[in-house]
Amino acid sequence: MTAAPNAPLFHRLVDRSGPTIPFTIDGVPAVAQPGDLLMTAILLNRPALRPFEFADAHRAGFCFMAACQDCWVNLADGRRVRACTTPVENGMAVVIDGGARV
């Protein structure tokens, strides 16, 4: 079975009830759960983390432990953060494709 082109890359294995954390990805509303890192939250909402700089492809992160530098993303407040080690914050505005959804 092949996933739809815009289907999220990650899926929760266990549903968790409780509060959610609203944030946006390129202006598109998204939700995370307490304890989610930004990389997890992004990949639960889209098929890739960010575009690849040198080709017509997309990145999904690589090492998941802040060693490879593959997961840097920009926030609307001007911060540039590693998605694999940054917890999602209420109202966080992630700017990846400038509005283009992958």
PDB file of N, CA and C in Angstrom:
ATOM      1  N   MET A   1       0.839  -1.156   0.000  1.00  0.00           N
ATOM      2  CA  MET A   1       0.000   0.000   0.000  1.00  0.00           C
ATOM      3  C   MET A   1       0.900   1.239   0.000  1.00  0.00           C
ATOM      4  N   THR A   2       0.606   2.215  -0.848  1.00  0.00           N
ATOM      5  CA  THR A   2       1.357   3.448  -0.948  1.00  0.00           C
ATOM      6  C   THR A   2       0.576   4.577  -0.299  1.00  0.00           C
ATOM      7  N   ALA A   3       1.268   5.387   0.496  1.00  0.00           N
ATOM      8  CA  ALA A   3       0.614   6.515   1.167  1.00  0.00           C
ATOM      9  C   ALA A   3       0.327   7.619   0.156  1.00  0.00           C
ATOM     10  N   ALA A   4      -0.704   8.387   0.433  1.00  0.00           N
ATOM     11  CA  ALA A   4      -1.026   9.535  -0.403  1.00  0.00           C
ATOM     12  C   ALA A   4       0.144  10.519  -0.353  1.00  0.00           C
ATOM     13  N   PRO A   5       0.383  11.287  -1.440  1.00  0.00           N
ATOM     14  CA  PRO A   5       1.530  12.187  -1.496  1.00  0.00           C
ATOM     15  C   PRO A   5       1.581  13.207  -0.353  1.00  0.00           C
ATOM     16  N   ASN A   6       0.447  13.666   0.140  1.00  0.00           N
ATOM     17  CA  ASN A   6       0.439  14.653   1.211  1.00  0.00           C
ATOM     18  C   ASN A   6       0.118  14.059   2.580  1.00  0.00           C
ATOM     19  N   ALA A   7       0.167  12.739   2.691  1.00  0.00           N
ATOM     20  CA  ALA A   7      -0.124  12.082   3.961  1.00  0.00           C
ATOM     21  C   ALA A   7       1.033  12.314   4.938  1.00  0.00           C
ATOM     22  N   PRO A   8       0.735  12.477   6.217  1.00  0.00           N
ATOM     23  CA  PRO A   8       1.801  12.633   7.200  1.00  0.00           C
ATOM     24  C   PRO A   8       2.737  11.430   7.191  1.00  0.00           C
ATOM     25  N   LEU A   9       4.008  11.673   7.498  1.00  0.00           N
ATOM     26  CA  LEU A   9       4.997  10.603   7.529  1.00  0.00           C
ATOM     27  C   LEU A   9       4.845   9.743   8.787  1.00  0.00           C
ATOM     28  N   PHE A  10       4.572  10.374   9.928  1.00  0.00           N
ATOM     29  CA  PHE A  10       4.437   9.661  11.193  1.00  0.00           C
ATOM     30  C   PHE A  10       2.969   9.449  11.536  1.00  0.00           C
ATOM     31  N   HIS A  11       2.712   8.421  12.309  1.00  0.00           N
ATOM     32  CA  HIS A  11       1.382   8.143  12.860  1.00  0.00           C
ATOM     33  C   HIS A  11       1.587   7.694  14.298  1.00  0.00           C
ATOM     34  N   ARG A  12       0.740   8.170  15.187  1.00  0.00           N
ATOM     35  CA  ARG A  12       0.837   7.741  16.589  1.00  0.00           C
ATOM     36  C   ARG A  12       0.429   6.273  16.689  1.00  0.00           C
ATOM     37  N   LEU A  13       1.201   5.504  17.400  1.00  0.00           N
ATOM     38  CA  LEU A  13       0.863   4.098  17.603  1.00  0.00           C
ATOM     39  C   LEU A  13      -0.170   3.933  18.700  1.00  0.00           C
ATOM     40  N   VAL A  14      -0.144   4.853  19.666  1.00  0.00           N
ATOM     41  CA  VAL A  14      -1.084   4.808  20.778  1.00  0.00           C
ATOM     42  C   VAL A  14      -1.739   6.174  20.894  1.00  0.00           C
ATOM     43  N   ASP A  15      -3.069   6.197  20.811  1.00  0.00           N
ATOM     44  CA  ASP A  15      -3.776   7.462  20.984  1.00  0.00           C
ATOM     45  C   ASP A  15      -3.635   7.918  22.426  1.00  0.00           C
ATOM     46  N   ARG A  16      -3.382   9.205  22.603  1.00  0.00           N
ATOM     47  CA  ARG A  16      -3.302   9.784  23.941  1.00  0.00           C
ATOM     48  C   ARG A  16      -4.414  10.812  24.069  1.00  0.00           C
ATOM     49  N   SER A  17      -5.160  10.735  25.128  1.00  0.00           N
ATOM     50  CA  SER A  17      -6.177  11.745  25.361  1.00  0.00           C
ATOM     51  C   SER A  17      -5.543  12.884  26.147  1.00  0.00           C
ATOM     52  N   GLY A  18      -6.246  13.968  26.248  1.00  0.00           N
ATOM     53  CA  GLY A  18      -5.747  15.093  27.028  1.00  0.00           C
ATOM     54  C   GLY A  18      -5.624  16.336  26.179  1.00  0.00           C
ATOM     55  N   PRO A  19      -5.004  17.351  26.741  1.00  0.00           N
ATOM     56  CA  PRO A  19      -4.922  18.629  26.040  1.00  0.00           C
ATOM     57  C   PRO A  19      -4.034  18.545  24.805  1.00  0.00           C
ATOM     58  N   THR A  20      -4.280  19.444  23.883  1.00  0.00           N
ATOM     59  CA  THR A  20      -3.432  19.544  22.699  1.00  0.00           C
ATOM     60  C   THR A  20      -2.758  20.915  22.693  1.00  0.00           C
ATOM     61  N   ILE A  21      -1.722  21.027  21.903  1.00  0.00           N
ATOM     62  CA  ILE A  21      -0.986  22.274  21.767  1.00  0.00           C
ATOM     63  C   ILE A  21      -1.172  22.768  20.338  1.00  0.00           C
ATOM     64  N   PRO A  22      -1.879  23.888  20.151  1.00  0.00           N
ATOM     65  CA  PRO A  22      -2.047  24.416  18.794  1.00  0.00           C
ATOM     66  C   PRO A  22      -0.784  25.137  18.325  1.00  0.00           C
ATOM     67  N   PHE A  23      -0.441  24.922  17.067  1.00  0.00           N
ATOM     68  CA  PHE A  23       0.663  25.636  16.437  1.00  0.00           C
ATOM     69  C   PHE A  23       0.370  25.687  14.950  1.00  0.00           C
ATOM     70  N   THR A  24       1.198  26.363  14.165  1.00  0.00           N
ATOM     71  CA  THR A  24       0.979  26.409  12.725  1.00  0.00           C
ATOM     72  C   THR A  24       2.250  26.005  11.987  1.00  0.00           C
ATOM     73  N   ILE A  25       2.041  25.450  10.804  1.00  0.00           N
ATOM     74  CA  ILE A  25       3.129  25.128   9.884  1.00  0.00           C
ATOM     75  C   ILE A  25       2.809  25.876   8.596  1.00  0.00           C
ATOM     76  N   ASP A  26       3.603  26.886   8.289  1.00  0.00           N
ATOM     77  CA  ASP A  26       3.350  27.732   7.115  1.00  0.00           C
ATOM     78  C   ASP A  26       1.922  28.268   7.116  1.00  0.00           C
ATOM     79  N   GLY A  27       1.451  28.666   8.276  1.00  0.00           N
ATOM     80  CA  GLY A  27       0.125  29.245   8.410  1.00  0.00           C
ATOM     81  C   GLY A  27      -1.013  28.249   8.483  1.00  0.00           C
ATOM     82  N   VAL A  28      -0.730  26.977   8.308  1.00  0.00           N
ATOM     83  CA  VAL A  28      -1.753  25.932   8.363  1.00  0.00           C
ATOM     84  C   VAL A  28      -1.868  25.449   9.813  1.00  0.00           C
ATOM     85  N   PRO A  29      -3.069  25.500  10.392  1.00  0.00           N
ATOM     86  CA  PRO A  29      -3.224  25.045  11.780  1.00  0.00           C
ATOM     87  C   PRO A  29      -2.841  23.568  11.946  1.00  0.00           C
ATOM     88  N   ALA A  30      -2.182  23.292  13.055  1.00  0.00           N
ATOM     89  CA  ALA A  30      -1.776  21.928  13.391  1.00  0.00           C
ATOM     90  C   ALA A  30      -1.874  21.790  14.910  1.00  0.00           C
ATOM     91  N   VAL A  31      -1.872  20.567  15.379  1.00  0.00           N
ATOM     92  CA  VAL A  31      -1.882  20.334  16.826  1.00  0.00           C
ATOM     93  C   VAL A  31      -0.834  19.297  17.191  1.00  0.00           C
ATOM     94  N   ALA A  32      -0.319  19.467  18.390  1.00  0.00           N
ATOM     95  CA  ALA A  32       0.631  18.515  18.964  1.00  0.00           C
ATOM     96  C   ALA A  32       0.105  18.137  20.337  1.00  0.00           C
ATOM     97  N   GLN A  33       0.813  17.255  20.984  1.00  0.00           N
ATOM     98  CA  GLN A  33       0.448  16.874  22.342  1.00  0.00           C
ATOM     99  C   GLN A  33       1.603  17.225  23.272  1.00  0.00           C
ATOM    100  N   PRO A  34       1.299  17.483  24.532  1.00  0.00           N
ATOM    101  CA  PRO A  34       2.370  17.797  25.474  1.00  0.00           C
ATOM    102  C   PRO A  34       3.488  16.761  25.412  1.00  0.00           C
ATOM    103  N   GLY A  35       4.715  17.232  25.371  1.00  0.00           N
ATOM    104  CA  GLY A  35       5.871  16.341  25.289  1.00  0.00           C
ATOM    105  C   GLY A  35       6.364  16.097  23.882  1.00  0.00           C
ATOM    106  N   ASP A  36       5.569  16.474  22.863  1.00  0.00           N
ATOM    107  CA  ASP A  36       6.012  16.284  21.477  1.00  0.00           C
ATOM    108  C   ASP A  36       7.163  17.225  21.143  1.00  0.00           C
ATOM    109  N   LEU A  37       8.158  16.695  20.478  1.00  0.00           N
ATOM    110  CA  LEU A  37       9.193  17.544  19.910  1.00  0.00           C
ATOM    111  C   LEU A  37       8.683  18.089  18.587  1.00  0.00           C
ATOM    112  N   LEU A  38       9.253  19.181  18.147  1.00  0.00           N
ATOM    113  CA  LEU A  38       8.783  19.832  16.937  1.00  0.00           C
ATOM    114  C   LEU A  38       8.863  18.900  15.725  1.00  0.00           C
ATOM    115  N   MET A  39       9.916  18.111  15.619  1.00  0.00           N
ATOM    116  CA  MET A  39      10.036  17.189  14.492  1.00  0.00           C
ATOM    117  C   MET A  39       8.876  16.192  14.471  1.00  0.00           C
ATOM    118  N   THR A  40       8.558  15.631  15.611  1.00  0.00           N
ATOM    119  CA  THR A  40       7.440  14.693  15.698  1.00  0.00           C
ATOM    120  C   THR A  40       6.143  15.375  15.296  1.00  0.00           C
ATOM    121  N   ALA A  41       5.917  16.561  15.836  1.00  0.00           N
ATOM    122  CA  ALA A  41       4.682  17.289  15.552  1.00  0.00           C
ATOM    123  C   ALA A  41       4.561  17.630  14.072  1.00  0.00           C
ATOM    124  N   ILE A  42       5.642  18.057  13.458  1.00  0.00           N
ATOM    125  CA  ILE A  42       5.601  18.386  12.025  1.00  0.00           C
ATOM    126  C   ILE A  42       5.314  17.127  11.211  1.00  0.00           C
ATOM    127  N   LEU A  43       6.030  16.039  11.505  1.00  0.00           N
ATOM    128  CA  LEU A  43       5.863  14.822  10.707  1.00  0.00           C
ATOM    129  C   LEU A  43       4.555  14.092  10.991  1.00  0.00           C
ATOM    130  N   LEU A  44       3.866  14.441  12.069  1.00  0.00           N
ATOM    131  CA  LEU A  44       2.517  13.933  12.294  1.00  0.00           C
ATOM    132  C   LEU A  44       1.499  14.703  11.465  1.00  0.00           C
ATOM    133  N   ASN A  45       1.919  15.839  10.899  1.00  0.00           N
ATOM    134  CA  ASN A  45       1.019  16.698  10.140  1.00  0.00           C
ATOM    135  C   ASN A  45       1.366  16.824   8.664  1.00  0.00           C
ATOM    136  N   ARG A  46       2.557  16.400   8.254  1.00  0.00           N
ATOM    137  CA  ARG A  46       2.962  16.512   6.847  1.00  0.00           C
ATOM    138  C   ARG A  46       3.923  15.386   6.468  1.00  0.00           C
ATOM    139  N   PRO A  47       4.142  15.194   5.185  1.00  0.00           N
ATOM    140  CA  PRO A  47       4.965  14.066   4.746  1.00  0.00           C
ATOM    141  C   PRO A  47       6.471  14.306   4.822  1.00  0.00           C
ATOM    142  N   ALA A  48       6.911  15.543   5.086  1.00  0.00           N
ATOM    143  CA  ALA A  48       8.347  15.825   5.155  1.00  0.00           C
ATOM    144  C   ALA A  48       8.586  16.974   6.113  1.00  0.00           C
ATOM    145  N   LEU A  49       9.801  17.062   6.581  1.00  0.00           N
ATOM    146  CA  LEU A  49      10.174  18.123   7.508  1.00  0.00           C
ATOM    147  C   LEU A  49      10.432  19.433   6.783  1.00  0.00           C
ATOM    148  N   ARG A  50      11.227  19.376   5.716  1.00  0.00           N
ATOM    149  CA  ARG A  50      11.580  20.590   4.984  1.00  0.00           C
ATOM    150  C   ARG A  50      12.141  20.222   3.614  1.00  0.00           C
ATOM    151  N   PRO A  51      12.248  21.201   2.712  1.00  0.00           N
ATOM    152  CA  PRO A  51      12.835  20.913   1.402  1.00  0.00           C
ATOM    153  C   PRO A  51      14.338  20.648   1.517  1.00  0.00           C
ATOM    154  N   PHE A  52      14.848  19.867   0.609  1.00  0.00           N
ATOM    155  CA  PHE A  52      16.276  19.611   0.481  1.00  0.00           C
ATOM    156  C   PHE A  52      16.878  20.793  -0.272  1.00  0.00           C
ATOM    157  N   GLU A  53      17.998  21.295   0.181  1.00  0.00           N
ATOM    158  CA  GLU A  53      18.576  22.502  -0.410  1.00  0.00           C
ATOM    159  C   GLU A  53      19.154  22.307  -1.807  1.00  0.00           C
ATOM    160  N   PHE A  54      19.584  21.104  -2.130  1.00  0.00           N
ATOM    161  CA  PHE A  54      20.367  20.900  -3.333  1.00  0.00           C
ATOM    162  C   PHE A  54      19.682  20.082  -4.424  1.00  0.00           C
ATOM    163  N   ALA A  55      18.428  19.747  -4.230  1.00  0.00           N
ATOM    164  CA  ALA A  55      17.713  18.945  -5.220  1.00  0.00           C
ATOM    165  C   ALA A  55      16.217  19.134  -5.023  1.00  0.00           C
ATOM    166  N   ASP A  56      15.462  18.628  -5.961  1.00  0.00           N
ATOM    167  CA  ASP A  56      14.003  18.698  -5.865  1.00  0.00           C
ATOM    168  C   ASP A  56      13.509  17.516  -5.031  1.00  0.00           C
ATOM    169  N   ALA A  57      13.760  17.611  -3.742  1.00  0.00           N
ATOM    170  CA  ALA A  57      13.397  16.536  -2.820  1.00  0.00           C
ATOM    171  C   ALA A  57      13.111  17.156  -1.460  1.00  0.00           C
ATOM    172  N   HIS A  58      12.718  16.320  -0.522  1.00  0.00           N
ATOM    173  CA  HIS A  58      12.408  16.795   0.822  1.00  0.00           C
ATOM    174  C   HIS A  58      13.160  15.990   1.862  1.00  0.00           C
ATOM    175  N   ARG A  59      13.342  16.587   3.031  1.00  0.00           N
ATOM    176  CA  ARG A  59      14.052  15.973   4.140  1.00  0.00           C
ATOM    177  C   ARG A  59      13.066  15.574   5.236  1.00  0.00           C
ATOM    178  N   ALA A  60      13.398  14.556   5.992  1.00  0.00           N
ATOM    179  CA  ALA A  60      12.558  14.141   7.115  1.00  0.00           C
ATOM    180  C   ALA A  60      13.349  14.090   8.404  1.00  0.00           C
ATOM    181  N   GLY A  61      14.521  14.677   8.441  1.00  0.00           N
ATOM    182  CA  GLY A  61      15.399  14.534   9.590  1.00  0.00           C
ATOM    183  C   GLY A  61      16.235  13.281   9.389  1.00  0.00           C
ATOM    184  N   PHE A  62      17.286  13.144  10.160  1.00  0.00           N
ATOM    185  CA  PHE A  62      18.156  11.997   9.931  1.00  0.00           C
ATOM    186  C   PHE A  62      18.499  11.277  11.222  1.00  0.00           C
ATOM    187  N   CYS A  63      19.217  11.940  12.120  1.00  0.00           N
ATOM    188  CA  CYS A  63      19.717  11.224  13.300  1.00  0.00           C
ATOM    189  C   CYS A  63      18.752  11.249  14.482  1.00  0.00           C
ATOM    190  N   PHE A  64      17.864  12.233  14.540  1.00  0.00           N
ATOM    191  CA  PHE A  64      16.893  12.377  15.622  1.00  0.00           C
ATOM    192  C   PHE A  64      17.550  12.564  16.995  1.00  0.00           C
ATOM    193  N   MET A  65      18.804  13.048  17.025  1.00  0.00           N
ATOM    194  CA  MET A  65      19.464  13.305  18.313  1.00  0.00           C
ATOM    195  C   MET A  65      20.373  14.527  18.276  1.00  0.00           C
ATOM    196  N   ALA A  66      20.123  15.459  17.349  1.00  0.00           N
ATOM    197  CA  ALA A  66      20.823  16.744  17.275  1.00  0.00           C
ATOM    198  C   ALA A  66      22.291  16.646  16.892  1.00  0.00           C
ATOM    199  N   ALA A  67      22.662  15.622  16.168  1.00  0.00           N
ATOM    200  CA  ALA A  67      24.060  15.498  15.757  1.00  0.00           C
ATOM    201  C   ALA A  67      24.278  15.826  14.279  1.00  0.00           C
ATOM    202  N   CYS A  68      23.259  15.658  13.445  1.00  0.00           N
ATOM    203  CA  CYS A  68      23.491  15.729  11.993  1.00  0.00           C
ATOM    204  C   CYS A  68      23.174  17.078  11.356  1.00  0.00           C
ATOM    205  N   GLN A  69      22.486  17.978  12.035  1.00  0.00           N
ATOM    206  CA  GLN A  69      22.123  19.297  11.505  1.00  0.00           C
ATOM    207  C   GLN A  69      21.078  19.246  10.402  1.00  0.00           C
ATOM    208  N   ASP A  70      20.374  18.142  10.234  1.00  0.00           N
ATOM    209  CA  ASP A  70      19.418  17.971   9.146  1.00  0.00           C
ATOM    210  C   ASP A  70      18.040  18.556   9.439  1.00  0.00           C
ATOM    211  N   CYS A  71      17.740  18.883  10.690  1.00  0.00           N
ATOM    212  CA  CYS A  71      16.362  19.227  11.039  1.00  0.00           C
ATOM    213  C   CYS A  71      16.134  20.697  11.377  1.00  0.00           C
ATOM    214  N   TRP A  72      17.051  21.576  11.028  1.00  0.00           N
ATOM    215  CA  TRP A  72      16.875  22.992  11.338  1.00  0.00           C
ATOM    216  C   TRP A  72      15.656  23.541  10.610  1.00  0.00           C
ATOM    217  N   VAL A  73      14.794  24.247  11.354  1.00  0.00           N
ATOM    218  CA  VAL A  73      13.630  24.926  10.774  1.00  0.00           C
ATOM    219  C   VAL A  73      13.562  26.339  11.339  1.00  0.00           C
ATOM    220  N   ASN A  74      12.851  27.214  10.645  1.00  0.00           N
ATOM    221  CA  ASN A  74      12.686  28.599  11.067  1.00  0.00           C
ATOM    222  C   ASN A  74      11.336  28.788  11.738  1.00  0.00           C
ATOM    223  N   LEU A  75      11.303  29.695  12.700  1.00  0.00           N
ATOM    224  CA  LEU A  75      10.060  30.080  13.349  1.00  0.00           C
ATOM    225  C   LEU A  75       9.747  31.518  12.951  1.00  0.00           C
ATOM    226  N   ALA A  76       8.474  31.856  12.956  1.00  0.00           N
ATOM    227  CA  ALA A  76       8.051  33.191  12.539  1.00  0.00           C
ATOM    228  C   ALA A  76       8.632  34.278  13.430  1.00  0.00           C
ATOM    229  N   ASP A  77       9.003  33.948  14.669  1.00  0.00           N
ATOM    230  CA  ASP A  77       9.571  34.955  15.567  1.00  0.00           C
ATOM    231  C   ASP A  77      11.056  35.195  15.313  1.00  0.00           C
ATOM    232  N   GLY A  78      11.610  34.558  14.273  1.00  0.00           N
ATOM    233  CA  GLY A  78      13.004  34.770  13.898  1.00  0.00           C
ATOM    234  C   GLY A  78      13.966  33.712  14.395  1.00  0.00           C
ATOM    235  N   ARG A  79      13.522  32.851  15.295  1.00  0.00           N
ATOM    236  CA  ARG A  79      14.414  31.795  15.782  1.00  0.00           C
ATOM    237  C   ARG A  79      14.621  30.732  14.711  1.00  0.00           C
ATOM    238  N   ARG A  80      15.795  30.132  14.720  1.00  0.00           N
ATOM    239  CA  ARG A  80      16.096  28.958  13.901  1.00  0.00           C
ATOM    240  C   ARG A  80      16.410  27.859  14.896  1.00  0.00           C
ATOM    241  N   VAL A  81      15.653  26.766  14.850  1.00  0.00           N
ATOM    242  CA  VAL A  81      15.771  25.738  15.887  1.00  0.00           C
ATOM    243  C   VAL A  81      15.931  24.355  15.270  1.00  0.00           C
ATOM    244  N   ARG A  82      16.512  23.464  16.059  1.00  0.00           N
ATOM    245  CA  ARG A  82      16.563  22.051  15.664  1.00  0.00           C
ATOM    246  C   ARG A  82      15.221  21.438  16.028  1.00  0.00           C
ATOM    247  N   ALA A  83      14.531  20.920  15.051  1.00  0.00           N
ATOM    248  CA  ALA A  83      13.212  20.346  15.289  1.00  0.00           C
ATOM    249  C   ALA A  83      13.286  19.084  16.137  1.00  0.00           C
ATOM    250  N   CYS A  84      14.415  18.401  16.128  1.00  0.00           N
ATOM    251  CA  CYS A  84      14.507  17.130  16.861  1.00  0.00           C
ATOM    252  C   CYS A  84      14.715  17.307  18.354  1.00  0.00           C
ATOM    253  N   THR A  85      15.038  18.519  18.810  1.00  0.00           N
ATOM    254  CA  THR A  85      15.265  18.717  20.244  1.00  0.00           C
ATOM    255  C   THR A  85      14.432  19.864  20.824  1.00  0.00           C
ATOM    256  N   THR A  86      13.601  20.487  20.022  1.00  0.00           N
ATOM    257  CA  THR A  86      12.807  21.628  20.470  1.00  0.00           C
ATOM    258  C   THR A  86      11.383  21.190  20.772  1.00  0.00           C
ATOM    259  N   PRO A  87      10.930  21.341  22.009  1.00  0.00           N
ATOM    260  CA  PRO A  87       9.535  21.002  22.323  1.00  0.00           C
ATOM    261  C   PRO A  87       8.575  21.978  21.629  1.00  0.00           C
ATOM    262  N   VAL A  88       7.440  21.484  21.228  1.00  0.00           N
ATOM    263  CA  VAL A  88       6.415  22.339  20.627  1.00  0.00           C
ATOM    264  C   VAL A  88       5.883  23.273  21.709  1.00  0.00           C
ATOM    265  N   GLU A  89       5.682  24.540  21.338  1.00  0.00           N
ATOM    266  CA  GLU A  89       5.135  25.535  22.257  1.00  0.00           C
ATOM    267  C   GLU A  89       3.771  25.981  21.754  1.00  0.00           C
ATOM    268  N   ASN A  90       2.899  26.311  22.681  1.00  0.00           N
ATOM    269  CA  ASN A  90       1.581  26.817  22.332  1.00  0.00           C
ATOM    270  C   ASN A  90       1.717  28.044  21.414  1.00  0.00           C
ATOM    271  N   GLY A  91       1.057  28.003  20.258  1.00  0.00           N
ATOM    272  CA  GLY A  91       1.072  29.120  19.327  1.00  0.00           C
ATOM    273  C   GLY A  91       2.321  29.231  18.476  1.00  0.00           C
ATOM    274  N   MET A  92       3.248  28.289  18.566  1.00  0.00           N
ATOM    275  CA  MET A  92       4.470  28.320  17.761  1.00  0.00           C
ATOM    276  C   MET A  92       4.094  28.395  16.291  1.00  0.00           C
ATOM    277  N   ALA A  93       4.790  29.241  15.537  1.00  0.00           N
ATOM    278  CA  ALA A  93       4.538  29.382  14.098  1.00  0.00           C
ATOM    279  C   ALA A  93       5.793  28.953  13.346  1.00  0.00           C
ATOM    280  N   VAL A  94       5.732  27.788  12.724  1.00  0.00           N
ATOM    281  CA  VAL A  94       6.855  27.223  11.986  1.00  0.00           C
ATOM    282  C   VAL A  94       6.760  27.699  10.538  1.00  0.00           C
ATOM    283  N   VAL A  95       7.893  28.170   9.996  1.00  0.00           N
ATOM    284  CA  VAL A  95       7.941  28.632   8.612  1.00  0.00           C
ATOM    285  C   VAL A  95       8.915  27.733   7.861  1.00  0.00           C
ATOM    286  N   ILE A  96       8.371  26.882   7.008  1.00  0.00           N
ATOM    287  CA  ILE A  96       9.212  25.915   6.299  1.00  0.00           C
ATOM    288  C   ILE A  96       9.274  26.237   4.813  1.00  0.00           C
ATOM    289  N   ASP A  97       8.137  26.206   4.161  1.00  0.00           N
ATOM    290  CA  ASP A  97       8.078  26.419   2.710  1.00  0.00           C
ATOM    291  C   ASP A  97       7.507  27.789   2.368  1.00  0.00           C
ATOM    292  N   GLY A  98       7.366  28.637   3.356  1.00  0.00           N
ATOM    293  CA  GLY A  98       6.780  29.942   3.106  1.00  0.00           C
ATOM    294  C   GLY A  98       5.332  29.865   2.653  1.00  0.00           C
ATOM    295  N   GLY A  99       4.669  28.799   3.033  1.00  0.00           N
ATOM    296  CA  GLY A  99       3.252  28.633   2.697  1.00  0.00           C
ATOM    297  C   GLY A  99       2.989  27.490   1.737  1.00  0.00           C
ATOM    298  N   ALA A 100       4.009  26.984   1.046  1.00  0.00           N
ATOM    299  CA  ALA A 100       3.811  25.872   0.118  1.00  0.00           C
ATOM    300  C   ALA A 100       3.790  24.573   0.904  1.00  0.00           C
ATOM    301  N   ARG A 101       2.748  23.815   0.773  1.00  0.00           N
ATOM    302  CA  ARG A 101       2.617  22.548   1.502  1.00  0.00           C
ATOM    303  C   ARG A 101       3.226  21.430   0.673  1.00  0.00           C
ATOM    304  N   VAL A 102       4.051  20.589   1.338  1.00  0.00           N
ATOM    305  CA  VAL A 102       4.619  19.428   0.638  1.00  0.00           C
ATOM    306  C   VAL A 102       3.650  18.283   0.679  1.00  0.00           C
TER     307      VAL A 102
END
